Amino acid sequence: MAISRLPPAAFTLKQFLQRQKVLGLYRSMLRTIQQVPDKADQKYLRDWAREEFKRNKNATNQDAIRMMITQANMHLEDLRRSLALAKS
């Protein structure tokens, strides 16, 4: 009988890649929020992003996670566009 060296809660490759995508998206969002000139707005957006990611932390449905990634990407692009307009 072969004993697996993986811990019982190990991610599949697909889950691991999706997790990396979510973490990268979170980091990109926080970096973009740092570019907001008003500190109060920065804090509001940072708190909002943290709360959203924390609220969905335990999601397991792959389709729902993909939808949330798509929505987060749209929010990120909107924020980037708003910042670009504000700078011009």
C-alpha atoms as a PDB file:
ATOM      1  CA  MET A   1       0.000   0.000   0.000  1.00  0.00           C
ATOM      2  CA  ALA A   2       1.507   3.325  -1.141  1.00  0.00           C
ATOM      3  CA  ILE A   3       1.284   6.281   1.206  1.00  0.00           C
ATOM      4  CA  SER A   4       0.677   9.664  -0.387  1.00  0.00           C
ATOM      5  CA  ARG A   5       3.086  12.420   0.594  1.00  0.00           C
ATOM      6  CA  LEU A   6       0.534  15.110  -0.170  1.00  0.00           C
ATOM      7  CA  PRO A   7      -1.382  16.596   2.724  1.00  0.00           C
ATOM      8  CA  PRO A   8      -5.102  15.757   2.677  1.00  0.00           C
ATOM      9  CA  ALA A   9      -6.049  19.357   1.784  1.00  0.00           C
ATOM     10  CA  ALA A  10      -3.649  19.710  -1.179  1.00  0.00           C
ATOM     11  CA  PHE A  11      -4.907  21.688  -4.166  1.00  0.00           C
ATOM     12  CA  THR A  12      -5.345  20.209  -7.605  1.00  0.00           C
ATOM     13  CA  LEU A  13      -3.299  21.883 -10.348  1.00  0.00           C
ATOM     14  CA  LYS A  14      -6.398  23.704 -11.586  1.00  0.00           C
ATOM     15  CA  GLN A  15      -7.207  24.995  -8.086  1.00  0.00           C
ATOM     16  CA  PHE A  16      -3.598  26.044  -7.538  1.00  0.00           C
ATOM     17  CA  LEU A  17      -3.490  28.005 -10.804  1.00  0.00           C
ATOM     18  CA  GLN A  18      -6.827  29.635 -10.056  1.00  0.00           C
ATOM     19  CA  ARG A  19      -5.615  30.582  -6.575  1.00  0.00           C
ATOM     20  CA  GLN A  20      -2.486  32.166  -8.073  1.00  0.00           C
ATOM     21  CA  LYS A  21      -4.675  34.138 -10.480  1.00  0.00           C
ATOM     22  CA  VAL A  22      -6.849  35.415  -7.623  1.00  0.00           C
ATOM     23  CA  LEU A  23      -3.831  36.394  -5.506  1.00  0.00           C
ATOM     24  CA  GLY A  24      -2.270  38.201  -8.480  1.00  0.00           C
ATOM     25  CA  LEU A  25      -5.515  40.038  -9.096  1.00  0.00           C
ATOM     26  CA  TYR A  26      -5.685  41.061  -5.432  1.00  0.00           C
ATOM     27  CA  ARG A  27      -2.123  42.389  -5.532  1.00  0.00           C
ATOM     28  CA  SER A  28      -2.808  44.285  -8.776  1.00  0.00           C
ATOM     29  CA  MET A  29      -5.901  45.818  -7.262  1.00  0.00           C
ATOM     30  CA  LEU A  30      -4.030  46.972  -4.149  1.00  0.00           C
ATOM     31  CA  ARG A  31      -1.192  48.415  -6.259  1.00  0.00           C
ATOM     32  CA  THR A  32      -3.672  50.297  -8.416  1.00  0.00           C
ATOM     33  CA  ILE A  33      -5.511  51.605  -5.346  1.00  0.00           C
ATOM     34  CA  GLN A  34      -2.208  53.049  -4.090  1.00  0.00           C
ATOM     35  CA  GLN A  35      -2.231  55.360  -7.113  1.00  0.00           C
ATOM     36  CA  VAL A  36      -5.473  57.040  -5.989  1.00  0.00           C
ATOM     37  CA  PRO A  37      -4.451  60.564  -4.937  1.00  0.00           C
ATOM     38  CA  ASP A  38      -6.920  61.052  -2.057  1.00  0.00           C
ATOM     39  CA  LYS A  39      -5.915  59.088   1.079  1.00  0.00           C
ATOM     40  CA  ALA A  40      -9.525  58.758   2.288  1.00  0.00           C
ATOM     41  CA  ASP A  41     -10.558  57.268  -1.075  1.00  0.00           C
ATOM     42  CA  GLN A  42      -7.534  54.972  -0.953  1.00  0.00           C
ATOM     43  CA  LYS A  43      -8.557  53.675   2.451  1.00  0.00           C
ATOM     44  CA  TYR A  44     -12.181  53.204   1.379  1.00  0.00           C
ATOM     45  CA  LEU A  45     -11.175  51.273  -1.767  1.00  0.00           C
ATOM     46  CA  ARG A  46      -8.574  49.184   0.060  1.00  0.00           C
ATOM     47  CA  ASP A  47     -11.087  48.239   2.764  1.00  0.00           C
ATOM     48  CA  TRP A  48     -13.696  47.435   0.120  1.00  0.00           C
ATOM     49  CA  ALA A  49     -11.289  45.191  -1.819  1.00  0.00           C
ATOM     50  CA  ARG A  50     -10.137  43.381   1.315  1.00  0.00           C
ATOM     51  CA  GLU A  51     -13.713  42.796   2.453  1.00  0.00           C
ATOM     52  CA  GLU A  52     -14.777  41.452  -0.950  1.00  0.00           C
ATOM     53  CA  PHE A  53     -11.864  39.046  -1.168  1.00  0.00           C
ATOM     54  CA  LYS A  54     -12.334  37.914   2.437  1.00  0.00           C
ATOM     55  CA  ARG A  55     -16.072  37.437   1.935  1.00  0.00           C
ATOM     56  CA  ASN A  56     -15.456  35.113  -1.015  1.00  0.00           C
ATOM     57  CA  LYS A  57     -12.416  33.382   0.480  1.00  0.00           C
ATOM     58  CA  ASN A  58     -14.180  30.056   1.054  1.00  0.00           C
ATOM     59  CA  ALA A  59     -15.929  29.829  -2.316  1.00  0.00           C
ATOM     60  CA  THR A  60     -15.489  26.405  -3.920  1.00  0.00           C
ATOM     61  CA  ASN A  61     -17.774  26.466  -6.964  1.00  0.00           C
ATOM     62  CA  GLN A  62     -15.410  26.814  -9.947  1.00  0.00           C
ATOM     63  CA  ASP A  63     -17.984  28.619 -12.099  1.00  0.00           C
ATOM     64  CA  ALA A  64     -18.734  31.127  -9.340  1.00  0.00           C
ATOM     65  CA  ILE A  65     -15.017  31.734  -8.804  1.00  0.00           C
ATOM     66  CA  ARG A  66     -14.503  32.361 -12.531  1.00  0.00           C
ATOM     67  CA  MET A  67     -17.402  34.827 -12.488  1.00  0.00           C
ATOM     68  CA  MET A  68     -15.917  36.628  -9.457  1.00  0.00           C
ATOM     69  CA  ILE A  69     -12.519  36.825 -11.200  1.00  0.00           C
ATOM     70  CA  THR A  70     -14.197  38.348 -14.257  1.00  0.00           C
ATOM     71  CA  GLN A  71     -16.041  40.900 -12.105  1.00  0.00           C
ATOM     72  CA  ALA A  72     -12.862  41.800 -10.212  1.00  0.00           C
ATOM     73  CA  ASN A  73     -11.014  42.300 -13.505  1.00  0.00           C
ATOM     74  CA  MET A  74     -13.790  44.620 -14.687  1.00  0.00           C
ATOM     75  CA  HIS A  75     -13.590  46.629 -11.433  1.00  0.00           C
ATOM     76  CA  LEU A  76      -9.818  46.842 -11.789  1.00  0.00           C
ATOM     77  CA  GLU A  77     -10.059  48.072 -15.377  1.00  0.00           C
ATOM     78  CA  ASP A  78     -12.688  50.648 -14.368  1.00  0.00           C
ATOM     79  CA  LEU A  79     -10.405  51.913 -11.607  1.00  0.00           C
ATOM     80  CA  ARG A  80      -7.448  52.112 -13.988  1.00  0.00           C
ATOM     81  CA  ARG A  81      -9.534  54.022 -16.545  1.00  0.00           C
ATOM     82  CA  SER A  82     -10.747  56.434 -13.872  1.00  0.00           C
ATOM     83  CA  LEU A  83      -7.191  57.054 -12.717  1.00  0.00           C
ATOM     84  CA  ALA A  84      -6.025  57.628 -16.282  1.00  0.00           C
ATOM     85  CA  LEU A  85      -8.829  60.144 -16.857  1.00  0.00           C
ATOM     86  CA  ALA A  86      -8.032  61.922 -13.598  1.00  0.00           C
ATOM     87  CA  LYS A  87      -4.379  62.272 -14.591  1.00  0.00           C
ATOM     88  CA  SER A  88      -5.149  63.703 -18.028  1.00  0.00           C
END
